[in-house]
Every structure is written in C-alpha cells, then in structure tokens.
Amino acid sequence: MPRKKAQGFWACALVSLGLALGGCSVSLPMGSLIGAHDDDDQTASIKTPEKPPIAGLQSTDWQHAKVALDSALGSANSGAAVDWDNPDSGTKGSFAAIGDAYATDTGTCRGFRAAVDHKDSDDALQGTACANGAGDWVITDVKPWGKS
C-alpha cells in the first residue's frame, strides 16, 4: 500500500509540474497585442501634413487653400471667388464653384476653377471635388484651365 501512495504522489507531482511548466511555454508576439507600427515616431496627436492635390503648393499653402475651396464649393453662389493667401510662402489664389453640385455613385461633386499665384508663376486650373463621408470636399481631378 505505501508503494501505491508513493506512485500516486509522484504522478500527481509530475502532472502539477507539467501544468505549471506548460503555461510557461505559451508565447505571443507583442506586436499582435499592441499592433504593428511602421513609424514609431508618430503619435496620434501629431498629424502628418496632407499632400496638396495641386502641384506646386506646399503643405502650408494647402492648409490655407483648403479653407477657400470648402467655402467656395459649399456656397450656393456659382462663380463667386473665394480668395486665400499664405503670408509665410507668398503664395495666394482663389477658388470658384462652377455650376451646381451634382450626385454621383460616390457622393456629391462639384466643378471648380482655381487661380494660384506663386512667386515665379501663375496657374489657372479647373477640376472637380467630391464631398467625402465626413462632408469635406476632396479634389478628385485637377488640370490646367482650358485644357482637355
């Protein structure tokens, strides 16, 4: 009988030891718990500047121009120019809506004309912008004015 008790003790001890050590063998990559990051230098509170959809504009120019674009396209007045300028770069311009807004499969869109005055050149542009899900106007195409 004492031999059976000893065997039971050791069997129980081995099972307990196996369970305890078995838990130590489970591992998970930390990236799966916290998400993979390609750019650890950026935090949620710091936004990467939006790339300007109009060639030749700096990000700071576009910050000023975007306000004018939103105002022009949101206005009921077709053709009324909304001016903008960036005193830091010296670039300025204007946006004017062309015609009424119209519905597409992707949302509401509207044509526009734009003038951009750089230090060394002036550009006349035409294009289309569509309202995204948040209601912000996003330029979908832009080209020199009068060109097909």
N, C-alpha and C. Protein backbone atom coordinates (compact mmCIF):
# COMPACT_ATOMS: atom_id res chain seq x y z
N MET A 1 0.78 -1.18 0.00
CA MET A 1 0.00 0.00 0.00
C MET A 1 0.84 1.27 0.00
N PRO A 2 1.88 1.34 0.82
CA PRO A 2 2.66 2.55 0.79
C PRO A 2 3.25 2.81 -0.60
N ARG A 3 3.50 1.74 -1.35
CA ARG A 3 4.06 1.92 -2.67
C ARG A 3 3.05 2.61 -3.60
N LYS A 4 1.76 2.28 -3.51
CA LYS A 4 0.73 2.91 -4.33
C LYS A 4 0.59 4.38 -3.98
N LYS A 5 0.69 4.70 -2.70
CA LYS A 5 0.61 6.11 -2.29
C LYS A 5 1.78 6.89 -2.85
N ALA A 6 2.94 6.30 -2.86
CA ALA A 6 4.12 6.98 -3.39
C ALA A 6 3.99 7.19 -4.89
N GLN A 7 3.49 6.19 -5.60
CA GLN A 7 3.30 6.32 -7.04
C GLN A 7 2.26 7.41 -7.34
N GLY A 8 1.18 7.44 -6.57
CA GLY A 8 0.16 8.47 -6.75
C GLY A 8 0.69 9.86 -6.48
N PHE A 9 1.54 9.95 -5.43
CA PHE A 9 2.14 11.24 -5.09
C PHE A 9 3.00 11.74 -6.25
N TRP A 10 3.87 10.85 -6.77
CA TRP A 10 4.76 11.26 -7.84
C TRP A 10 3.99 11.56 -9.14
N ALA A 11 2.96 10.79 -9.39
CA ALA A 11 2.14 11.05 -10.57
C ALA A 11 1.47 12.41 -10.47
N CYS A 12 0.95 12.70 -9.32
CA CYS A 12 0.30 14.00 -9.09
C CYS A 12 1.32 15.13 -9.19
N ALA A 13 2.50 14.90 -8.63
CA ALA A 13 3.55 15.91 -8.66
C ALA A 13 3.99 16.18 -10.09
N LEU A 14 4.14 15.10 -10.89
CA LEU A 14 4.56 15.28 -12.28
C LEU A 14 3.49 16.00 -13.10
N VAL A 15 2.23 15.67 -12.88
CA VAL A 15 1.14 16.35 -13.60
C VAL A 15 1.12 17.82 -13.22
N SER A 16 1.25 18.12 -11.93
CA SER A 16 1.27 19.51 -11.47
C SER A 16 2.44 20.27 -12.07
N LEU A 17 3.63 19.63 -12.04
CA LEU A 17 4.81 20.26 -12.60
C LEU A 17 4.63 20.48 -14.11
N GLY A 18 4.06 19.51 -14.80
CA GLY A 18 3.82 19.64 -16.24
C GLY A 18 2.87 20.79 -16.56
N LEU A 19 1.81 20.91 -15.76
CA LEU A 19 0.86 22.01 -15.97
C LEU A 19 1.51 23.36 -15.69
N ALA A 20 2.29 23.43 -14.63
CA ALA A 20 2.96 24.69 -14.29
C ALA A 20 3.95 25.10 -15.36
N LEU A 21 4.76 24.14 -15.80
CA LEU A 21 5.75 24.47 -16.83
C LEU A 21 5.12 24.63 -18.21
N GLY A 22 4.03 23.93 -18.46
CA GLY A 22 3.35 24.05 -19.74
C GLY A 22 2.84 25.46 -19.98
N GLY A 23 2.39 26.12 -18.94
CA GLY A 23 1.93 27.51 -19.06
C GLY A 23 3.05 28.45 -19.44
N CYS A 24 4.27 28.12 -19.07
CA CYS A 24 5.42 28.96 -19.38
C CYS A 24 5.83 28.85 -20.84
N SER A 25 5.40 27.79 -21.51
CA SER A 25 5.84 27.60 -22.88
C SER A 25 4.96 28.34 -23.89
N VAL A 26 3.87 28.92 -23.44
CA VAL A 26 3.00 29.67 -24.34
C VAL A 26 3.59 31.06 -24.52
N SER A 27 3.76 31.47 -25.78
CA SER A 27 4.29 32.80 -26.02
C SER A 27 3.51 33.45 -27.16
N LEU A 28 3.37 34.73 -27.07
CA LEU A 28 2.70 35.51 -28.11
C LEU A 28 3.62 36.66 -28.51
N PRO A 29 3.72 36.97 -29.78
CA PRO A 29 4.49 38.15 -30.16
C PRO A 29 3.79 39.40 -29.63
N MET A 30 4.53 40.30 -29.08
CA MET A 30 3.95 41.51 -28.50
C MET A 30 3.26 42.36 -29.56
N GLY A 31 3.74 42.30 -30.78
CA GLY A 31 3.12 43.09 -31.85
C GLY A 31 1.67 42.73 -32.06
N SER A 32 1.31 41.46 -31.82
CA SER A 32 -0.07 41.05 -32.00
C SER A 32 -0.98 41.63 -30.93
N LEU A 33 -0.41 41.99 -29.79
CA LEU A 33 -1.21 42.57 -28.71
C LEU A 33 -1.32 44.08 -28.82
N ILE A 34 -0.27 44.74 -29.30
CA ILE A 34 -0.28 46.20 -29.33
C ILE A 34 -0.35 46.77 -30.73
N GLY A 35 -0.37 45.93 -31.74
CA GLY A 35 -0.45 46.40 -33.12
C GLY A 35 0.92 46.71 -33.67
N ALA A 36 1.11 46.42 -34.92
CA ALA A 36 2.39 46.68 -35.58
C ALA A 36 2.46 48.14 -35.99
N HIS A 37 3.63 48.73 -35.83
CA HIS A 37 3.83 50.14 -36.20
C HIS A 37 5.06 50.24 -37.09
N ASP A 38 4.86 50.81 -38.26
CA ASP A 38 5.99 51.05 -39.13
C ASP A 38 6.71 52.33 -38.77
N ASP A 39 5.97 53.26 -38.17
CA ASP A 39 6.52 54.57 -37.85
C ASP A 39 6.28 54.86 -36.38
N ASP A 40 7.22 54.45 -35.53
CA ASP A 40 7.07 54.64 -34.10
C ASP A 40 7.26 56.09 -33.68
N ASP A 41 7.75 56.95 -34.59
CA ASP A 41 8.00 58.34 -34.25
C ASP A 41 6.73 59.19 -34.27
N GLN A 42 5.66 58.69 -34.84
CA GLN A 42 4.43 59.46 -34.97
C GLN A 42 3.43 59.01 -33.93
N THR A 43 2.79 59.98 -33.29
CA THR A 43 1.75 59.66 -32.32
C THR A 43 0.41 60.10 -32.88
N ALA A 44 -0.65 59.68 -32.23
CA ALA A 44 -1.99 60.02 -32.71
C ALA A 44 -2.24 61.52 -32.63
N SER A 45 -1.54 62.23 -31.76
CA SER A 45 -1.79 63.66 -31.62
C SER A 45 -1.05 64.49 -32.66
N ILE A 46 -0.14 63.88 -33.39
CA ILE A 46 0.61 64.61 -34.42
C ILE A 46 0.17 64.09 -35.77
N LYS A 47 -0.44 64.96 -36.56
CA LYS A 47 -0.92 64.56 -37.88
C LYS A 47 0.15 64.82 -38.92
N THR A 48 0.28 63.88 -39.86
CA THR A 48 1.16 64.09 -40.99
C THR A 48 0.47 65.08 -41.93
N PRO A 49 1.20 66.11 -42.38
CA PRO A 49 0.56 67.09 -43.26
C PRO A 49 0.01 66.41 -44.51
N GLU A 50 -1.18 66.87 -44.91
CA GLU A 50 -1.82 66.33 -46.11
C GLU A 50 -1.05 66.79 -47.33
N LYS A 51 -0.82 65.86 -48.27
CA LYS A 51 -0.13 66.21 -49.50
C LYS A 51 -1.07 67.04 -50.36
N PRO A 52 -0.64 68.22 -50.78
CA PRO A 52 -1.51 69.08 -51.60
C PRO A 52 -1.87 68.41 -52.92
N PRO A 53 -3.15 68.44 -53.29
CA PRO A 53 -3.57 67.84 -54.56
C PRO A 53 -3.26 68.72 -55.76
N ILE A 54 -2.78 69.92 -55.53
CA ILE A 54 -2.43 70.84 -56.60
C ILE A 54 -0.91 70.98 -56.64
N ALA A 55 -0.33 70.64 -57.79
CA ALA A 55 1.12 70.69 -57.95
C ALA A 55 1.65 72.09 -57.66
N GLY A 56 2.78 72.13 -57.00
CA GLY A 56 3.44 73.40 -56.72
C GLY A 56 3.06 74.02 -55.39
N LEU A 57 2.04 73.51 -54.73
CA LEU A 57 1.67 74.04 -53.42
C LEU A 57 2.41 73.30 -52.32
N GLN A 58 2.82 74.04 -51.32
CA GLN A 58 3.40 73.44 -50.13
C GLN A 58 2.25 73.01 -49.21
N SER A 59 2.55 72.17 -48.24
CA SER A 59 1.52 71.73 -47.29
C SER A 59 0.90 72.92 -46.58
N THR A 60 1.71 73.91 -46.22
CA THR A 60 1.16 75.08 -45.52
C THR A 60 0.29 75.91 -46.47
N ASP A 61 0.62 75.95 -47.76
CA ASP A 61 -0.23 76.64 -48.74
C ASP A 61 -1.60 75.95 -48.79
N TRP A 62 -1.58 74.62 -48.85
CA TRP A 62 -2.82 73.86 -48.97
C TRP A 62 -3.71 74.04 -47.75
N GLN A 63 -3.13 74.20 -46.58
CA GLN A 63 -3.94 74.44 -45.38
C GLN A 63 -4.79 75.70 -45.55
N HIS A 64 -4.22 76.74 -46.14
CA HIS A 64 -4.95 77.99 -46.39
C HIS A 64 -5.93 77.81 -47.56
N ALA A 65 -5.47 77.16 -48.63
CA ALA A 65 -6.30 76.99 -49.83
C ALA A 65 -7.51 76.11 -49.55
N LYS A 66 -7.35 75.10 -48.73
CA LYS A 66 -8.44 74.14 -48.45
C LYS A 66 -9.63 74.84 -47.83
N VAL A 67 -9.41 75.81 -46.98
CA VAL A 67 -10.50 76.57 -46.36
C VAL A 67 -11.29 77.32 -47.44
N ALA A 68 -10.58 77.91 -48.41
CA ALA A 68 -11.24 78.63 -49.50
C ALA A 68 -11.99 77.67 -50.42
N LEU A 69 -11.40 76.50 -50.70
CA LEU A 69 -12.08 75.51 -51.53
C LEU A 69 -13.39 75.06 -50.88
N ASP A 70 -13.34 74.72 -49.61
CA ASP A 70 -14.54 74.29 -48.89
C ASP A 70 -15.62 75.37 -48.91
N SER A 71 -15.21 76.62 -48.72
CA SER A 71 -16.16 77.73 -48.71
C SER A 71 -16.78 77.94 -50.09
N ALA A 72 -15.96 77.91 -51.13
CA ALA A 72 -16.46 78.13 -52.50
C ALA A 72 -17.43 77.03 -52.91
N LEU A 73 -17.08 75.77 -52.64
CA LEU A 73 -17.92 74.66 -53.08
C LEU A 73 -19.17 74.51 -52.22
N GLY A 74 -19.11 74.97 -50.99
CA GLY A 74 -20.27 74.90 -50.10
C GLY A 74 -21.25 76.04 -50.32
N SER A 75 -20.86 77.04 -51.09
CA SER A 75 -21.70 78.20 -51.35
C SER A 75 -22.72 77.90 -52.45
N ALA A 76 -23.87 78.54 -52.34
CA ALA A 76 -24.90 78.41 -53.38
C ALA A 76 -24.55 79.27 -54.59
N ASN A 77 -23.64 80.21 -54.40
CA ASN A 77 -23.27 81.13 -55.49
C ASN A 77 -22.23 80.52 -56.40
N SER A 78 -22.64 80.17 -57.61
CA SER A 78 -21.71 79.66 -58.60
C SER A 78 -20.91 80.82 -59.17
N GLY A 79 -19.62 80.67 -59.26
CA GLY A 79 -18.77 81.70 -59.86
C GLY A 79 -18.20 82.71 -58.88
N ALA A 80 -18.69 82.72 -57.64
CA ALA A 80 -18.17 83.67 -56.65
C ALA A 80 -16.81 83.18 -56.16
N ALA A 81 -15.77 83.97 -56.37
CA ALA A 81 -14.41 83.58 -55.99
C ALA A 81 -14.21 83.75 -54.49
N VAL A 82 -13.53 82.78 -53.91
CA VAL A 82 -13.13 82.84 -52.50
C VAL A 82 -11.60 82.85 -52.49
N ASP A 83 -11.03 83.96 -52.01
CA ASP A 83 -9.58 84.15 -52.02
C ASP A 83 -8.91 83.48 -50.82
N TRP A 84 -7.64 83.15 -50.99
CA TRP A 84 -6.81 82.65 -49.90
C TRP A 84 -5.39 83.15 -50.12
N ASP A 85 -4.60 83.19 -49.05
CA ASP A 85 -3.18 83.51 -49.19
C ASP A 85 -2.41 82.92 -48.02
N ASN A 86 -1.16 82.62 -48.29
CA ASN A 86 -0.25 82.14 -47.26
C ASN A 86 0.86 83.18 -47.12
N PRO A 87 0.79 84.02 -46.10
CA PRO A 87 1.79 85.07 -45.97
C PRO A 87 3.21 84.53 -45.74
N ASP A 88 3.32 83.31 -45.24
CA ASP A 88 4.65 82.74 -45.00
C ASP A 88 5.38 82.39 -46.30
N SER A 89 4.66 81.89 -47.30
CA SER A 89 5.30 81.50 -48.57
C SER A 89 5.12 82.54 -49.66
N GLY A 90 4.14 83.43 -49.48
CA GLY A 90 3.85 84.42 -50.52
C GLY A 90 2.93 83.89 -51.60
N THR A 91 2.49 82.64 -51.49
CA THR A 91 1.59 82.05 -52.48
C THR A 91 0.16 82.42 -52.11
N LYS A 92 -0.64 82.70 -53.14
CA LYS A 92 -2.04 83.06 -52.91
C LYS A 92 -2.87 82.56 -54.08
N GLY A 93 -4.19 82.67 -53.95
CA GLY A 93 -5.04 82.22 -55.04
C GLY A 93 -6.50 82.36 -54.70
N SER A 94 -7.34 81.67 -55.49
CA SER A 94 -8.77 81.71 -55.26
C SER A 94 -9.42 80.46 -55.85
N PHE A 95 -10.60 80.14 -55.34
CA PHE A 95 -11.43 79.06 -55.86
C PHE A 95 -12.81 79.61 -56.16
N ALA A 96 -13.42 79.13 -57.23
CA ALA A 96 -14.80 79.49 -57.57
C ALA A 96 -15.52 78.24 -58.04
N ALA A 97 -16.70 78.00 -57.49
CA ALA A 97 -17.50 76.85 -57.92
C ALA A 97 -18.04 77.10 -59.32
N ILE A 98 -18.15 76.02 -60.11
CA ILE A 98 -18.72 76.09 -61.45
C ILE A 98 -20.01 75.27 -61.43
N GLY A 99 -21.11 75.91 -61.68
CA GLY A 99 -22.39 75.20 -61.73
C GLY A 99 -22.83 74.69 -60.37
N ASP A 100 -23.88 73.90 -60.39
CA ASP A 100 -24.44 73.33 -59.17
C ASP A 100 -23.76 72.02 -58.82
N ALA A 101 -23.90 71.64 -57.56
CA ALA A 101 -23.42 70.33 -57.12
C ALA A 101 -24.29 69.27 -57.77
N TYR A 102 -23.73 68.10 -58.01
CA TYR A 102 -24.49 67.00 -58.63
C TYR A 102 -24.14 65.69 -57.93
N ALA A 103 -25.10 64.78 -57.98
CA ALA A 103 -24.94 63.48 -57.32
C ALA A 103 -24.22 62.49 -58.24
N THR A 104 -23.34 61.70 -57.66
CA THR A 104 -22.66 60.60 -58.36
C THR A 104 -22.81 59.34 -57.52
N ASP A 105 -22.29 58.24 -58.02
CA ASP A 105 -22.32 56.99 -57.26
C ASP A 105 -21.54 57.10 -55.95
N THR A 106 -20.53 57.95 -55.93
CA THR A 106 -19.69 58.08 -54.74
C THR A 106 -20.08 59.24 -53.83
N GLY A 107 -21.03 60.06 -54.24
CA GLY A 107 -21.46 61.19 -53.40
C GLY A 107 -21.72 62.44 -54.22
N THR A 108 -21.71 63.57 -53.54
CA THR A 108 -21.96 64.86 -54.17
C THR A 108 -20.67 65.45 -54.69
N CYS A 109 -20.69 65.92 -55.94
CA CYS A 109 -19.50 66.51 -56.56
C CYS A 109 -19.84 67.88 -57.14
N ARG A 110 -18.79 68.67 -57.39
CA ARG A 110 -18.98 69.99 -57.97
C ARG A 110 -17.70 70.41 -58.68
N GLY A 111 -17.85 71.07 -59.81
CA GLY A 111 -16.71 71.58 -60.55
C GLY A 111 -16.22 72.89 -59.95
N PHE A 112 -14.95 73.21 -60.22
CA PHE A 112 -14.39 74.46 -59.73
C PHE A 112 -13.32 74.97 -60.69
N ARG A 113 -13.05 76.25 -60.57
CA ARG A 113 -11.90 76.87 -61.21
C ARG A 113 -11.03 77.45 -60.11
N ALA A 114 -9.75 77.45 -60.35
CA ALA A 114 -8.82 77.96 -59.34
C ALA A 114 -7.74 78.79 -60.00
N ALA A 115 -7.30 79.78 -59.27
CA ALA A 115 -6.14 80.57 -59.67
C ALA A 115 -5.12 80.44 -58.55
N VAL A 116 -3.87 80.18 -58.94
CA VAL A 116 -2.79 80.06 -57.96
C VAL A 116 -1.66 80.97 -58.41
N ASP A 117 -1.29 81.91 -57.55
CA ASP A 117 -0.22 82.86 -57.84
C ASP A 117 0.99 82.51 -56.99
N HIS A 118 1.99 81.93 -57.65
CA HIS A 118 3.26 81.62 -56.99
C HIS A 118 4.17 82.83 -57.15
N LYS A 119 5.28 82.83 -56.49
CA LYS A 119 6.24 83.93 -56.64
C LYS A 119 6.71 84.05 -58.08
N ASP A 120 6.93 82.88 -58.75
CA ASP A 120 7.51 82.89 -60.09
C ASP A 120 6.52 82.64 -61.21
N SER A 121 5.30 82.20 -60.89
CA SER A 121 4.35 81.86 -61.95
C SER A 121 2.92 81.94 -61.45
N ASP A 122 2.01 81.98 -62.42
CA ASP A 122 0.58 81.97 -62.12
C ASP A 122 -0.04 80.79 -62.84
N ASP A 123 -0.95 80.10 -62.17
CA ASP A 123 -1.62 78.96 -62.77
C ASP A 123 -3.13 79.18 -62.76
N ALA A 124 -3.78 78.84 -63.87
CA ALA A 124 -5.24 78.80 -63.95
C ALA A 124 -5.61 77.33 -64.07
N LEU A 125 -6.48 76.85 -63.17
CA LEU A 125 -6.81 75.43 -63.09
C LEU A 125 -8.30 75.21 -63.12
N GLN A 126 -8.70 74.01 -63.51
CA GLN A 126 -10.10 73.59 -63.41
C GLN A 126 -10.10 72.17 -62.87
N GLY A 127 -11.17 71.82 -62.18
CA GLY A 127 -11.20 70.47 -61.63
C GLY A 127 -12.55 70.13 -61.04
N THR A 128 -12.57 69.02 -60.36
CA THR A 128 -13.77 68.51 -59.70
C THR A 128 -13.40 68.11 -58.28
N ALA A 129 -14.30 68.36 -57.37
CA ALA A 129 -14.13 67.90 -56.00
C ALA A 129 -15.43 67.23 -55.57
N CYS A 130 -15.30 66.22 -54.72
CA CYS A 130 -16.47 65.50 -54.21
C CYS A 130 -16.43 65.50 -52.69
N ALA A 131 -17.61 65.54 -52.10
CA ALA A 131 -17.70 65.51 -50.64
C ALA A 131 -17.50 64.08 -50.17
N ASN A 132 -16.60 63.90 -49.19
CA ASN A 132 -16.39 62.56 -48.65
C ASN A 132 -17.43 62.27 -47.58
N GLY A 133 -17.33 61.13 -46.90
CA GLY A 133 -18.30 60.73 -45.89
C GLY A 133 -18.43 61.72 -44.75
N ALA A 134 -17.36 62.46 -44.45
CA ALA A 134 -17.38 63.44 -43.38
C ALA A 134 -17.89 64.80 -43.86
N GLY A 135 -18.17 64.91 -45.16
CA GLY A 135 -18.67 66.17 -45.71
C GLY A 135 -17.58 67.13 -46.16
N ASP A 136 -16.32 66.69 -46.12
CA ASP A 136 -15.21 67.53 -46.57
C ASP A 136 -15.05 67.36 -48.08
N TRP A 137 -14.74 68.46 -48.77
CA TRP A 137 -14.52 68.40 -50.21
C TRP A 137 -13.13 67.89 -50.49
N VAL A 138 -13.03 66.90 -51.38
CA VAL A 138 -11.76 66.30 -51.76
C VAL A 138 -11.62 66.43 -53.27
N ILE A 139 -10.51 67.00 -53.72
CA ILE A 139 -10.28 67.18 -55.15
C ILE A 139 -10.06 65.80 -55.78
N THR A 140 -10.87 65.50 -56.79
CA THR A 140 -10.75 64.21 -57.49
C THR A 140 -9.97 64.34 -58.79
N ASP A 141 -9.98 65.52 -59.38
CA ASP A 141 -9.15 65.77 -60.56
C ASP A 141 -8.92 67.26 -60.70
N VAL A 142 -7.78 67.59 -61.24
CA VAL A 142 -7.44 69.00 -61.50
C VAL A 142 -6.47 69.03 -62.67
N LYS A 143 -6.65 70.04 -63.52
CA LYS A 143 -5.78 70.19 -64.70
C LYS A 143 -5.74 71.66 -65.06
N PRO A 144 -4.82 72.04 -65.93
CA PRO A 144 -4.78 73.44 -66.37
C PRO A 144 -6.11 73.84 -67.00
N TRP A 145 -6.55 75.04 -66.74
CA TRP A 145 -7.83 75.54 -67.24
C TRP A 145 -7.78 75.66 -68.74
N GLY A 146 -8.82 75.18 -69.40
CA GLY A 146 -8.93 75.28 -70.84
C GLY A 146 -8.29 74.13 -71.58
N LYS A 147 -7.67 73.19 -70.86
CA LYS A 147 -7.06 72.02 -71.50
C LYS A 147 -7.98 70.82 -71.32
N SER A 148 -8.05 69.97 -72.32
CA SER A 148 -8.92 68.79 -72.25
C SER A 148 -8.20 67.63 -71.63
